[in-house]
Protein backbone atom coordinates (compact mmCIF):
# COMPACT_ATOMS: atom_id res chain seq x y z
CA MET A 1 0.00 0.00 0.00
CA THR A 2 1.24 3.43 -0.75
CA SER A 3 0.77 6.43 1.42
CA SER A 4 -1.59 9.17 0.38
CA PRO A 5 -3.15 11.95 2.33
CA ASN A 6 -6.36 10.64 3.84
CA SER A 7 -9.39 12.84 3.91
CA PRO A 8 -9.63 14.75 7.17
CA CYS A 9 -11.81 13.25 9.83
CA PRO A 10 -13.24 15.03 12.87
CA SER A 11 -10.98 13.21 15.32
CA CYS A 12 -7.70 13.98 13.52
CA PRO A 13 -6.00 17.13 14.79
CA PRO A 14 -4.63 19.19 11.91
CA HIS A 15 -0.85 19.46 11.61
CA ALA A 16 0.92 22.77 11.22
CA ALA A 17 1.80 21.87 7.61
CA GLY A 18 -1.90 21.63 6.73
CA GLY A 19 -2.14 17.86 6.86
CA HIS A 20 -3.88 15.75 9.45
CA GLY A 21 -2.89 12.88 11.70
CA CYS A 22 -4.30 9.78 9.95
CA ALA A 23 -1.37 8.70 7.77
CA VAL A 24 1.16 7.31 10.24
CA TYR A 25 3.31 4.99 8.10
CA PRO A 26 3.84 4.52 4.36
CA SER A 27 1.66 1.42 4.66
CA SER A 28 -1.23 3.43 6.10
CA VAL A 29 -4.67 2.92 4.60
CA THR A 30 -5.31 5.22 1.63
CA ASP A 31 -8.54 7.02 0.73
CA ALA A 32 -9.28 4.44 -1.98
CA GLU A 33 -8.82 1.61 0.50
CA SER A 34 -10.96 3.41 3.07
CA THR A 35 -13.84 3.60 0.61
CA ILE A 36 -13.82 -0.20 0.42
CA PHE A 37 -13.98 -1.00 4.12
CA GLU A 38 -15.74 2.05 5.60
CA PRO A 39 -19.27 1.11 4.43
CA LEU A 40 -18.75 -2.42 5.78
CA LEU A 41 -17.97 -1.30 9.33
CA PRO A 42 -20.78 -1.01 11.87
CA ALA A 43 -22.03 2.49 12.59
CA PRO A 44 -20.50 4.18 15.63
CA GLY A 45 -22.60 3.70 18.76
CA SER A 46 -23.30 7.41 19.01
CA THR A 47 -24.86 7.52 15.53
CA ALA A 48 -26.54 4.09 15.53
CA GLY A 49 -29.19 5.16 18.03
CA HIS A 50 -27.59 3.22 20.87
CA GLY A 51 -26.25 6.24 22.74
CA GLY A 52 -22.62 6.55 23.67
CA ARG A 53 -20.03 9.16 22.97
CA PRO A 54 -18.50 9.94 19.58
CA GLU A 55 -15.46 7.91 18.57
CA LYS A 56 -12.23 9.46 19.81
CA HIS A 57 -9.93 8.01 17.13
CA CYS A 58 -10.54 7.96 13.39
CA ARG A 59 -11.39 4.63 11.82
CA PRO A 60 -8.54 4.56 9.27
CA LEU A 61 -6.06 4.96 12.13
CA ILE A 62 -7.69 2.07 14.03
CA VAL A 63 -7.53 -0.09 10.88
CA ASP A 64 -3.86 0.90 10.41
CA ALA A 65 -3.12 -0.22 13.96
CA ILE A 66 -4.89 -3.55 13.49
CA LEU A 67 -3.08 -4.18 10.20
CA TYR A 68 0.24 -3.20 11.83
CA ILE A 69 -0.32 -5.90 14.46
CA VAL A 70 -1.31 -8.48 11.85
CA ARG A 71 1.59 -7.72 9.49
CA GLY A 72 4.20 -7.57 12.25
CA GLY A 73 2.91 -10.50 14.26
CA ILE A 74 3.38 -8.49 17.43
CA ALA A 75 1.48 -8.47 20.70
CA TRP A 76 -1.24 -5.86 21.20
CA ARG A 77 0.79 -4.16 23.95
CA GLN A 78 3.73 -3.64 21.56
CA LEU A 79 1.72 -1.25 19.39
CA PRO A 80 3.78 1.92 18.73
CA MET A 81 2.80 5.15 20.44
CA GLU A 82 1.74 6.75 17.13
CA PHE A 83 -1.41 4.65 17.26
CA PRO A 84 -4.30 4.87 19.72
CA PRO A 85 -3.84 2.92 22.98
CA ALA A 86 -3.59 -0.85 22.50
CA GLY A 87 -6.61 -1.47 24.73
CA THR A 88 -8.72 0.85 22.61
CA VAL A 89 -7.57 -0.74 19.35
CA TYR A 90 -8.26 -4.23 20.72
CA ALA A 91 -11.71 -3.23 22.00
CA VAL A 92 -12.67 -1.78 18.62
CA PHE A 93 -11.27 -4.85 16.82
CA ALA A 94 -13.24 -7.18 19.11
CA ARG A 95 -16.44 -5.19 18.57
CA TRP A 96 -16.00 -5.22 14.79
CA ALA A 97 -15.12 -8.92 14.75
CA HIS A 98 -18.14 -9.78 16.89
CA SER A 99 -20.42 -7.83 14.55
CA GLY A 100 -19.09 -9.73 11.51
CA ALA A 101 -17.55 -6.63 9.95
CA TRP A 102 -14.10 -8.21 9.53
CA GLN A 103 -15.56 -11.18 7.67
CA HIS A 104 -17.45 -8.80 5.35
CA ILE A 105 -14.23 -6.85 4.68
CA LEU A 106 -12.28 -10.05 3.96
CA ASP A 107 -15.03 -11.26 1.63
CA ALA A 108 -15.12 -7.93 -0.24
CA LEU A 109 -11.33 -7.83 -0.63
CA ARG A 110 -11.18 -11.46 -1.80
CA ASP A 111 -13.92 -10.82 -4.37
CA ARG A 112 -12.13 -7.71 -5.67
CA LEU A 113 -8.82 -9.58 -5.99
CA ARG A 114 -10.47 -12.48 -7.84
CA VAL A 115 -12.13 -10.11 -10.33
CA ARG A 116 -8.87 -8.16 -10.78
CA ALA A 117 -7.08 -11.45 -11.54
CA GLY A 118 -9.67 -12.23 -14.25
CA ARG A 119 -11.39 -14.98 -12.29
CA ASP A 120 -15.02 -15.38 -11.25
CA GLN A 121 -15.96 -13.51 -8.11
CA CYS A 122 -17.07 -16.74 -6.42
CA PRO A 123 -14.91 -19.87 -6.54
CA THR A 124 -16.41 -22.77 -8.46
CA ALA A 125 -14.31 -25.54 -6.92
CA ALA A 126 -12.72 -26.41 -3.62
CA ILE A 127 -10.04 -28.83 -2.53
CA ILE A 128 -10.49 -30.68 0.72
CA ASP A 129 -7.44 -32.36 2.19
CA SER A 130 -7.65 -34.44 5.32
């Protein structure tokens, strides 16, 4: 993934140079990638009619933190300080996983990759090995 300026979100403080705080690493989620997963995530509790306070950290930054953990194979507590607190990232990940959002994202990405490779969106065969 290449780095690109993400669109500003309400929870990202603007930088002095005019940017905002979402893009942490070159592998950070881009705007194009955000448009794929954002509609698949559950609505924040404060806007879903369930009460609660607004989210403190922007969603692309949370996704970056989760992907950083997955790619690096590190423990949650080893998350760098540039990301939200590890407990917060884990709580959001657990909530999204419980809601089925991660499975929807994986399905959407798999389907897009299959189409891009010139294959049918849904596999027509499977191999079972015991």
